[in-house]
Amino acid sequence: METELCTPSSSAYAEATERWPERLITSKEVTEIIGLSKATIDRYEKSDPTFPRRIRLSHSRCVWRLREMLSWIDLKSAQREHVAGDGHAEA
């Protein structure tokens, strides 16, 4: 029996977010969910005030709230849908 990967489009992912809405995710999971490198995530944290902030659990362990990461993705998707025909975002 094959195990379904937990990707944003999978039913396993949807079930996980419903069952654990306050679930904390690791940097590896963040890169898998949003498809960006750790370096790019670091840049987003410094330059994008809407990007979810990490939670430092110890000196070597940081996590993010899954709910916040999914909300950020929804925000970016909504902004994309409001792009004007000239390629610039509408105000």
C-alpha atoms as a PDB file:
ATOM      1  CA  MET A   1       0.000   0.000   0.000  1.00  0.00           C
ATOM      2  CA  GLU A   2       1.423   3.363  -1.049  1.00  0.00           C
ATOM      3  CA  THR A   3       1.430   6.277   1.408  1.00  0.00           C
ATOM      4  CA  GLU A   4       0.115   9.591   0.084  1.00  0.00           C
ATOM      5  CA  LEU A   5       2.595  12.444   0.321  1.00  0.00           C
ATOM      6  CA  CYS A   6       1.491  15.339   2.481  1.00  0.00           C
ATOM      7  CA  THR A   7       1.673  18.155  -0.070  1.00  0.00           C
ATOM      8  CA  PRO A   8      -0.585  21.240  -0.173  1.00  0.00           C
ATOM      9  CA  SER A   9      -2.746  19.652  -2.886  1.00  0.00           C
ATOM     10  CA  SER A  10      -3.107  16.267  -1.209  1.00  0.00           C
ATOM     11  CA  SER A  11      -6.066  15.051   0.814  1.00  0.00           C
ATOM     12  CA  ALA A  12      -3.635  14.069   3.599  1.00  0.00           C
ATOM     13  CA  TYR A  13      -2.496  17.690   3.806  1.00  0.00           C
ATOM     14  CA  ALA A  14      -6.080  18.971   3.963  1.00  0.00           C
ATOM     15  CA  GLU A  15      -6.890  16.485   6.697  1.00  0.00           C
ATOM     16  CA  ALA A  16      -3.800  17.486   8.682  1.00  0.00           C
ATOM     17  CA  THR A  17      -4.690  21.181   8.604  1.00  0.00           C
ATOM     18  CA  GLU A  18      -8.243  20.400   9.726  1.00  0.00           C
ATOM     19  CA  ARG A  19      -7.131  18.092  12.522  1.00  0.00           C
ATOM     20  CA  TRP A  20      -4.232  20.237  13.728  1.00  0.00           C
ATOM     21  CA  PRO A  21      -4.915  23.879  12.807  1.00  0.00           C
ATOM     22  CA  GLU A  22      -2.286  25.075  15.283  1.00  0.00           C
ATOM     23  CA  ARG A  23       0.328  22.607  14.070  1.00  0.00           C
ATOM     24  CA  LEU A  24       3.907  23.841  14.077  1.00  0.00           C
ATOM     25  CA  ILE A  25       6.053  23.136  11.032  1.00  0.00           C
ATOM     26  CA  THR A  26       9.809  22.934  10.579  1.00  0.00           C
ATOM     27  CA  SER A  27      11.922  24.875   8.098  1.00  0.00           C
ATOM     28  CA  LYS A  28      12.092  21.755   5.924  1.00  0.00           C
ATOM     29  CA  GLU A  29       8.281  21.622   5.828  1.00  0.00           C
ATOM     30  CA  VAL A  30       8.094  25.355   5.059  1.00  0.00           C
ATOM     31  CA  THR A  31      10.397  24.888   2.056  1.00  0.00           C
ATOM     32  CA  GLU A  32       8.281  21.954   0.861  1.00  0.00           C
ATOM     33  CA  ILE A  33       4.984  23.819   1.296  1.00  0.00           C
ATOM     34  CA  ILE A  34       5.946  27.085  -0.370  1.00  0.00           C
ATOM     35  CA  GLY A  35       8.665  25.808  -2.683  1.00  0.00           C
ATOM     36  CA  LEU A  36      11.322  28.331  -1.689  1.00  0.00           C
ATOM     37  CA  SER A  37      14.831  27.786  -0.347  1.00  0.00           C
ATOM     38  CA  LYS A  38      15.822  28.495   3.251  1.00  0.00           C
ATOM     39  CA  ALA A  39      17.830  31.501   2.053  1.00  0.00           C
ATOM     40  CA  THR A  40      14.792  32.931   0.270  1.00  0.00           C
ATOM     41  CA  ILE A  41      12.653  32.353   3.360  1.00  0.00           C
ATOM     42  CA  ASP A  42      15.232  34.304   5.401  1.00  0.00           C
ATOM     43  CA  ARG A  43      15.026  37.164   2.886  1.00  0.00           C
ATOM     44  CA  TYR A  44      11.214  37.158   3.012  1.00  0.00           C
ATOM     45  CA  GLU A  45      11.330  37.342   6.801  1.00  0.00           C
ATOM     46  CA  LYS A  46      13.520  40.443   6.595  1.00  0.00           C
ATOM     47  CA  SER A  47      11.769  42.201   3.714  1.00  0.00           C
ATOM     48  CA  ASP A  48       8.097  41.141   3.739  1.00  0.00           C
ATOM     49  CA  PRO A  49       6.138  42.262   6.830  1.00  0.00           C
ATOM     50  CA  THR A  50       3.319  39.881   5.884  1.00  0.00           C
ATOM     51  CA  PHE A  51       5.548  36.780   5.956  1.00  0.00           C
ATOM     52  CA  PRO A  52       4.911  34.624   9.043  1.00  0.00           C
ATOM     53  CA  ARG A  53       7.435  35.025  11.826  1.00  0.00           C
ATOM     54  CA  ARG A  54       9.327  32.034  13.133  1.00  0.00           C
ATOM     55  CA  ILE A  55       8.945  30.804  16.688  1.00  0.00           C
ATOM     56  CA  ARG A  56      12.253  30.010  18.358  1.00  0.00           C
ATOM     57  CA  LEU A  57      11.870  26.923  20.546  1.00  0.00           C
ATOM     58  CA  SER A  58      15.546  26.699  21.452  1.00  0.00           C
ATOM     59  CA  HIS A  59      18.872  28.094  20.262  1.00  0.00           C
ATOM     60  CA  SER A  60      18.868  25.589  17.378  1.00  0.00           C
ATOM     61  CA  ARG A  61      15.190  24.944  16.668  1.00  0.00           C
ATOM     62  CA  CYS A  62      12.681  27.242  14.947  1.00  0.00           C
ATOM     63  CA  VAL A  63       9.169  26.500  13.755  1.00  0.00           C
ATOM     64  CA  TRP A  64       6.270  28.317  12.106  1.00  0.00           C
ATOM     65  CA  ARG A  65       2.513  28.008  12.551  1.00  0.00           C
ATOM     66  CA  LEU A  66       1.045  26.068   9.638  1.00  0.00           C
ATOM     67  CA  ARG A  67      -2.103  28.216   9.764  1.00  0.00           C
ATOM     68  CA  GLU A  68      -0.064  31.417   9.350  1.00  0.00           C
ATOM     69  CA  MET A  69       1.939  29.983   6.457  1.00  0.00           C
ATOM     70  CA  LEU A  70      -1.241  28.908   4.637  1.00  0.00           C
ATOM     71  CA  SER A  71      -2.794  32.345   5.233  1.00  0.00           C
ATOM     72  CA  TRP A  72       0.305  33.988   3.730  1.00  0.00           C
ATOM     73  CA  ILE A  73       0.021  31.759   0.655  1.00  0.00           C
ATOM     74  CA  ASP A  74      -3.667  32.727   0.349  1.00  0.00           C
ATOM     75  CA  LEU A  75      -2.700  36.415   0.599  1.00  0.00           C
ATOM     76  CA  LYS A  76      -0.117  36.050  -2.174  1.00  0.00           C
ATOM     77  CA  SER A  77      -2.649  34.191  -4.331  1.00  0.00           C
ATOM     78  CA  ALA A  78      -5.215  36.939  -3.814  1.00  0.00           C
ATOM     79  CA  GLN A  79      -2.649  39.592  -4.739  1.00  0.00           C
ATOM     80  CA  ARG A  80      -1.817  37.692  -7.909  1.00  0.00           C
ATOM     81  CA  GLU A  81      -5.480  37.652  -8.890  1.00  0.00           C
ATOM     82  CA  HIS A  82      -5.591  41.451  -8.602  1.00  0.00           C
ATOM     83  CA  VAL A  83      -2.713  42.091 -10.989  1.00  0.00           C
ATOM     84  CA  ALA A  84      -3.723  44.593 -13.643  1.00  0.00           C
ATOM     85  CA  GLY A  85      -3.234  43.927 -17.336  1.00  0.00           C
ATOM     86  CA  ASP A  86      -0.014  45.961 -17.367  1.00  0.00           C
ATOM     87  CA  GLY A  87       1.619  43.583 -14.900  1.00  0.00           C
ATOM     88  CA  HIS A  88       1.429  45.898 -11.892  1.00  0.00           C
ATOM     89  CA  ALA A  89      -0.569  45.132  -8.770  1.00  0.00           C
ATOM     90  CA  GLU A  90      -3.695  47.160  -8.281  1.00  0.00           C
ATOM     91  CA  ALA A  91      -3.870  49.428  -5.226  1.00  0.00           C
END
